[in-house]
């Protein structure tokens, strides 16, 4: 498998901030606290969107 290090990031899912050096060949990937993938926000913390200052998505009625 070929990994593009210029398009890759590392993230640790933990309550406490943890530094984890992820090395691919000779490069260390940058560590991030959150990223969005296919419209889903992945974050290091496990808080609700309101705790993060985000608006909740509106619900549409099925009428």
PDB file of N, CA and C in Angstrom:
ATOM      1  N   UNK A   1       0.845  -1.163   0.000  1.00  0.00           N
ATOM      2  CA  UNK A   1       0.000   0.000   0.000  1.00  0.00           C
ATOM      3  C   UNK A   1       0.899   1.237   0.000  1.00  0.00           C
ATOM      4  N   UNK A   2       0.522   2.222  -0.788  1.00  0.00           N
ATOM      5  CA  UNK A   2       1.279   3.458  -0.876  1.00  0.00           C
ATOM      6  C   UNK A   2       0.561   4.542  -0.075  1.00  0.00           C
ATOM      7  N   UNK A   3       1.288   5.228   0.812  1.00  0.00           N
ATOM      8  CA  UNK A   3       0.724   6.274   1.652  1.00  0.00           C
ATOM      9  C   UNK A   3       1.288   7.615   1.213  1.00  0.00           C
ATOM     10  N   UNK A   4       0.391   8.562   0.954  1.00  0.00           N
ATOM     11  CA  UNK A   4       0.816   9.912   0.609  1.00  0.00           C
ATOM     12  C   UNK A   4       0.993  10.704   1.899  1.00  0.00           C
ATOM     13  N   UNK A   5       2.232  10.933   2.297  1.00  0.00           N
ATOM     14  CA  UNK A   5       2.488  11.630   3.558  1.00  0.00           C
ATOM     15  C   UNK A   5       2.092  13.106   3.487  1.00  0.00           C
ATOM     16  N   UNK A   6       2.063  13.692   2.299  1.00  0.00           N
ATOM     17  CA  UNK A   6       1.672  15.099   2.183  1.00  0.00           C
ATOM     18  C   UNK A   6       0.167  15.284   2.410  1.00  0.00           C
ATOM     19  N   UNK A   7      -0.618  14.212   2.272  1.00  0.00           N
ATOM     20  CA  UNK A   7      -2.067  14.280   2.464  1.00  0.00           C
ATOM     21  C   UNK A   7      -2.512  13.587   3.749  1.00  0.00           C
ATOM     22  N   UNK A   8      -1.574  13.150   4.578  1.00  0.00           N
ATOM     23  CA  UNK A   8      -1.901  12.369   5.772  1.00  0.00           C
ATOM     24  C   UNK A   8      -1.617  13.146   7.046  1.00  0.00           C
ATOM     25  N   UNK A   9      -2.425  12.856   8.077  1.00  0.00           N
ATOM     26  CA  UNK A   9      -2.249  13.448   9.399  1.00  0.00           C
ATOM     27  C   UNK A   9      -2.487  12.357  10.434  1.00  0.00           C
ATOM     28  N   UNK A  10      -1.980  12.579  11.639  1.00  0.00           N
ATOM     29  CA  UNK A  10      -2.177  11.625  12.727  1.00  0.00           C
ATOM     30  C   UNK A  10      -3.068  12.269  13.789  1.00  0.00           C
ATOM     31  N   UNK A  11      -3.906  11.448  14.437  1.00  0.00           N
ATOM     32  CA  UNK A  11      -4.750  11.953  15.505  1.00  0.00           C
ATOM     33  C   UNK A  11      -4.896  10.876  16.563  1.00  0.00           C
ATOM     34  N   UNK A  12      -4.815  11.274  17.838  1.00  0.00           N
ATOM     35  CA  UNK A  12      -4.994  10.365  18.964  1.00  0.00           C
ATOM     36  C   UNK A  12      -6.333  10.696  19.600  1.00  0.00           C
ATOM     37  N   UNK A  13      -7.203   9.689  19.740  1.00  0.00           N
ATOM     38  CA  UNK A  13      -8.498   9.890  20.390  1.00  0.00           C
ATOM     39  C   UNK A  13      -8.349   9.511  21.855  1.00  0.00           C
ATOM     40  N   UNK A  14      -8.291  10.527  22.712  1.00  0.00           N
ATOM     41  CA  UNK A  14      -8.069  10.307  24.133  1.00  0.00           C
ATOM     42  C   UNK A  14      -8.580  11.523  24.887  1.00  0.00           C
ATOM     43  N   UNK A  15      -8.984  11.337  26.144  1.00  0.00           N
ATOM     44  CA  UNK A  15      -9.432  12.453  26.972  1.00  0.00           C
ATOM     45  C   UNK A  15      -8.311  13.447  27.196  1.00  0.00           C
ATOM     46  N   UNK A  16      -7.107  12.934  27.442  1.00  0.00           N
ATOM     47  CA  UNK A  16      -5.956  13.793  27.695  1.00  0.00           C
ATOM     48  C   UNK A  16      -5.186  14.008  26.399  1.00  0.00           C
ATOM     49  N   UNK A  17      -4.534  15.153  26.312  1.00  0.00           N
ATOM     50  CA  UNK A  17      -3.711  15.421  25.137  1.00  0.00           C
ATOM     51  C   UNK A  17      -2.466  14.557  25.202  1.00  0.00           C
ATOM     52  N   UNK A  18      -2.235  13.780  24.167  1.00  0.00           N
ATOM     53  CA  UNK A  18      -1.112  12.853  24.101  1.00  0.00           C
ATOM     54  C   UNK A  18      -0.331  13.141  22.832  1.00  0.00           C
ATOM     55  N   UNK A  19       0.978  13.209  22.954  1.00  0.00           N
ATOM     56  CA  UNK A  19       1.808  13.382  21.773  1.00  0.00           C
ATOM     57  C   UNK A  19       2.244  12.012  21.280  1.00  0.00           C
ATOM     58  N   UNK A  20       1.963  11.751  20.029  1.00  0.00           N
ATOM     59  CA  UNK A  20       2.294  10.457  19.440  1.00  0.00           C
ATOM     60  C   UNK A  20       2.948  10.713  18.083  1.00  0.00           C
ATOM     61  N   UNK A  21       4.205  10.361  17.960  1.00  0.00           N
ATOM     62  CA  UNK A  21       4.905  10.578  16.702  1.00  0.00           C
ATOM     63  C   UNK A  21       4.680   9.372  15.790  1.00  0.00           C
ATOM     64  N   UNK A  22       3.971   9.596  14.706  1.00  0.00           N
ATOM     65  CA  UNK A  22       3.701   8.539  13.730  1.00  0.00           C
ATOM     66  C   UNK A  22       4.619   8.762  12.538  1.00  0.00           C
ATOM     67  N   UNK A  23       5.493   7.807  12.328  1.00  0.00           N
ATOM     68  CA  UNK A  23       6.493   7.933  11.270  1.00  0.00           C
ATOM     69  C   UNK A  23       6.137   7.017  10.099  1.00  0.00           C
ATOM     70  N   UNK A  24       6.172   7.592   8.902  1.00  0.00           N
ATOM     71  CA  UNK A  24       5.990   6.825   7.670  1.00  0.00           C
ATOM     72  C   UNK A  24       7.269   7.013   6.868  1.00  0.00           C
ATOM     73  N   UNK A  25       7.997   5.923   6.727  1.00  0.00           N
ATOM     74  CA  UNK A  25       9.352   5.955   6.154  1.00  0.00           C
ATOM     75  C   UNK A  25      10.178   6.953   6.929  1.00  0.00           C
ATOM     76  N   UNK A  26      10.611   8.036   6.323  1.00  0.00           N
ATOM     77  CA  UNK A  26      11.480   9.005   7.004  1.00  0.00           C
ATOM     78  C   UNK A  26      10.712  10.233   7.492  1.00  0.00           C
ATOM     79  N   UNK A  27       9.417  10.296   7.252  1.00  0.00           N
ATOM     80  CA  UNK A  27       8.646  11.481   7.608  1.00  0.00           C
ATOM     81  C   UNK A  27       7.767  11.243   8.819  1.00  0.00           C
ATOM     82  N   UNK A  28       7.667  12.245   9.697  1.00  0.00           N
ATOM     83  CA  UNK A  28       6.752  12.203  10.834  1.00  0.00           C
ATOM     84  C   UNK A  28       5.501  12.966  10.435  1.00  0.00           C
ATOM     85  N   UNK A  29       4.348  12.317  10.570  1.00  0.00           N
ATOM     86  CA  UNK A  29       3.090  12.950  10.191  1.00  0.00           C
ATOM     87  C   UNK A  29       2.685  13.993  11.225  1.00  0.00           C
ATOM     88  N   UNK A  30       2.126  15.120  10.770  1.00  0.00           N
ATOM     89  CA  UNK A  30       1.671  16.126  11.728  1.00  0.00           C
ATOM     90  C   UNK A  30       0.485  15.594  12.529  1.00  0.00           C
ATOM     91  N   UNK A  31       0.455  15.918  13.825  1.00  0.00           N
ATOM     92  CA  UNK A  31      -0.636  15.475  14.687  1.00  0.00           C
ATOM     93  C   UNK A  31      -1.663  16.597  14.783  1.00  0.00           C
ATOM     94  N   UNK A  32      -2.937  16.255  14.596  1.00  0.00           N
ATOM     95  CA  UNK A  32      -4.024  17.224  14.651  1.00  0.00           C
ATOM     96  C   UNK A  32      -4.994  16.845  15.765  1.00  0.00           C
ATOM     97  N   UNK A  33      -5.820  17.804  16.200  1.00  0.00           N
ATOM     98  CA  UNK A  33      -6.809  17.537  17.237  1.00  0.00           C
ATOM     99  C   UNK A  33      -8.185  17.273  16.657  1.00  0.00           C
ATOM    100  N   UNK A  34      -8.397  17.647  15.398  1.00  0.00           N
ATOM    101  CA  UNK A  34      -9.674  17.358  14.743  1.00  0.00           C
ATOM    102  C   UNK A  34      -9.482  17.356  13.234  1.00  0.00           C
ATOM    103  N   UNK A  35     -10.367  16.645  12.534  1.00  0.00           N
ATOM    104  CA  UNK A  35     -10.404  16.695  11.079  1.00  0.00           C
ATOM    105  C   UNK A  35     -11.791  16.288  10.614  1.00  0.00           C
ATOM    106  N   UNK A  36     -12.114  16.695   9.392  1.00  0.00           N
ATOM    107  CA  UNK A  36     -13.418  16.380   8.833  1.00  0.00           C
ATOM    108  C   UNK A  36     -13.215  15.411   7.679  1.00  0.00           C
ATOM    109  N   UNK A  37     -13.996  14.327   7.661  1.00  0.00           N
ATOM    110  CA  UNK A  37     -13.910  13.314   6.615  1.00  0.00           C
ATOM    111  C   UNK A  37     -15.327  12.989   6.167  1.00  0.00           C
ATOM    112  N   UNK A  38     -15.608  13.192   4.896  1.00  0.00           N
ATOM    113  CA  UNK A  38     -16.938  12.953   4.328  1.00  0.00           C
ATOM    114  C   UNK A  38     -18.036  13.661   5.137  1.00  0.00           C
ATOM    115  N   UNK A  39     -17.742  14.886   5.579  1.00  0.00           N
ATOM    116  CA  UNK A  39     -18.716  15.688   6.300  1.00  0.00           C
ATOM    117  C   UNK A  39     -18.855  15.366   7.774  1.00  0.00           C
ATOM    118  N   UNK A  40     -18.079  14.402   8.286  1.00  0.00           N
ATOM    119  CA  UNK A  40     -18.147  14.025   9.697  1.00  0.00           C
ATOM    120  C   UNK A  40     -16.925  14.583  10.412  1.00  0.00           C
ATOM    121  N   UNK A  41     -17.167  15.299  11.530  1.00  0.00           N
ATOM    122  CA  UNK A  41     -16.072  15.859  12.302  1.00  0.00           C
ATOM    123  C   UNK A  41     -15.574  14.835  13.304  1.00  0.00           C
ATOM    124  N   UNK A  42     -14.302  14.506  13.216  1.00  0.00           N
ATOM    125  CA  UNK A  42     -13.639  13.646  14.189  1.00  0.00           C
ATOM    126  C   UNK A  42     -12.792  14.560  15.065  1.00  0.00           C
ATOM    127  N   UNK A  43     -12.958  14.430  16.390  1.00  0.00           N
ATOM    128  CA  UNK A  43     -12.221  15.311  17.291  1.00  0.00           C
ATOM    129  C   UNK A  43     -11.593  14.514  18.421  1.00  0.00           C
ATOM    130  N   UNK A  44     -10.500  15.051  18.965  1.00  0.00           N
ATOM    131  CA  UNK A  44      -9.784  14.398  20.060  1.00  0.00           C
ATOM    132  C   UNK A  44     -10.655  14.300  21.291  1.00  0.00           C
ATOM    133  N   UNK A  45     -11.436  15.317  21.557  1.00  0.00           N
ATOM    134  CA  UNK A  45     -12.308  15.324  22.728  1.00  0.00           C
ATOM    135  C   UNK A  45     -13.639  14.672  22.380  1.00  0.00           C
ATOM    136  N   UNK A  46     -14.412  14.316  23.362  1.00  0.00           N
ATOM    137  CA  UNK A  46     -15.676  13.633  23.127  1.00  0.00           C
ATOM    138  C   UNK A  46     -16.859  14.493  23.558  1.00  0.00           C
ATOM    139  N   UNK A  47     -16.756  15.790  23.401  1.00  0.00           N
ATOM    140  CA  UNK A  47     -17.833  16.691  23.787  1.00  0.00           C
ATOM    141  C   UNK A  47     -18.912  16.783  22.719  1.00  0.00           C
ATOM    142  N   UNK A  48     -20.018  17.388  23.073  1.00  0.00           N
ATOM    143  CA  UNK A  48     -21.120  17.573  22.133  1.00  0.00           C
ATOM    144  C   UNK A  48     -20.830  18.766  21.228  1.00  0.00           C
ATOM    145  N   UNK A  49     -21.543  18.896  20.110  1.00  0.00           N
ATOM    146  CA  UNK A  49     -21.350  20.065  19.243  1.00  0.00           C
ATOM    147  C   UNK A  49     -21.589  21.385  19.984  1.00  0.00           C
ATOM    148  N   UNK A  50     -22.535  21.406  20.929  1.00  0.00           N
ATOM    149  CA  UNK A  50     -22.794  22.634  21.676  1.00  0.00           C
ATOM    150  C   UNK A  50     -21.611  23.005  22.567  1.00  0.00           C
ATOM    151  N   UNK A  51     -20.951  22.014  23.142  1.00  0.00           N
ATOM    152  CA  UNK A  51     -19.770  22.278  23.962  1.00  0.00           C
ATOM    153  C   UNK A  51     -18.629  22.830  23.116  1.00  0.00           C
ATOM    154  N   UNK A  52     -18.622  22.493  21.841  1.00  0.00           N
ATOM    155  CA  UNK A  52     -17.582  22.983  20.936  1.00  0.00           C
ATOM    156  C   UNK A  52     -17.980  24.296  20.281  1.00  0.00           C
ATOM    157  N   UNK A  53     -19.179  24.825  20.610  1.00  0.00           N
ATOM    158  CA  UNK A  53     -19.632  26.086  20.034  1.00  0.00           C
ATOM    159  C   UNK A  53     -20.204  25.935  18.644  1.00  0.00           C
ATOM    160  N   UNK A  54     -20.635  24.735  18.278  1.00  0.00           N
ATOM    161  CA  UNK A  54     -21.209  24.496  16.953  1.00  0.00           C
ATOM    162  C   UNK A  54     -22.725  24.418  17.048  1.00  0.00           C
ATOM    163  N   UNK A  55     -23.369  24.750  15.963  1.00  0.00           N
ATOM    164  CA  UNK A  55     -24.820  24.637  15.914  1.00  0.00           C
ATOM    165  C   UNK A  55     -25.203  23.186  15.630  1.00  0.00           C
ATOM    166  N   UNK A  56     -26.306  22.756  16.204  1.00  0.00           N
ATOM    167  CA  UNK A  56     -26.811  21.423  15.903  1.00  0.00           C
ATOM    168  C   UNK A  56     -27.454  21.422  14.525  1.00  0.00           C
ATOM    169  N   UNK A  57     -27.353  20.331  13.783  1.00  0.00           N
ATOM    170  CA  UNK A  57     -28.003  20.274  12.474  1.00  0.00           C
ATOM    171  C   UNK A  57     -29.512  20.320  12.642  1.00  0.00           C
ATOM    172  N   UNK A  58     -30.172  21.005  11.710  1.00  0.00           N
ATOM    173  CA  UNK A  58     -31.640  21.089  11.819  1.00  0.00           C
ATOM    174  C   UNK A  58     -32.253  19.791  11.340  1.00  0.00           C
ATOM    175  N   UNK A  59     -33.356  19.400  11.984  1.00  0.00           N
ATOM    176  CA  UNK A  59     -34.066  18.183  11.606  1.00  0.00           C
ATOM    177  C   UNK A  59     -35.202  18.551  10.682  1.00  0.00           C
ATOM    178  N   UNK A  60     -35.375  17.773   9.645  1.00  0.00           N
ATOM    179  CA  UNK A  60     -36.455  17.998   8.703  1.00  0.00           C
ATOM    180  C   UNK A  60     -37.579  17.021   9.021  1.00  0.00           C
ATOM    181  N   UNK A  61     -38.776  17.518   9.021  1.00  0.00           N
ATOM    182  CA  UNK A  61     -39.908  16.612   9.271  1.00  0.00           C
ATOM    183  C   UNK A  61     -40.168  15.780   8.024  1.00  0.00           C
ATOM    184  N   UNK A  62     -40.624  14.572   8.214  1.00  0.00           N
ATOM    185  CA  UNK A  62     -40.860  13.659   7.086  1.00  0.00           C
ATOM    186  C   UNK A  62     -42.306  13.720   6.651  1.00  0.00           C
ATOM    187  N   UNK A  63     -42.744  14.917   6.261  1.00  0.00           N
ATOM    188  CA  UNK A  63     -44.127  15.093   5.801  1.00  0.00           C
ATOM    189  C   UNK A  63     -44.186  15.116   4.323  1.00  0.00           C
TER     190      UNK A  63
END
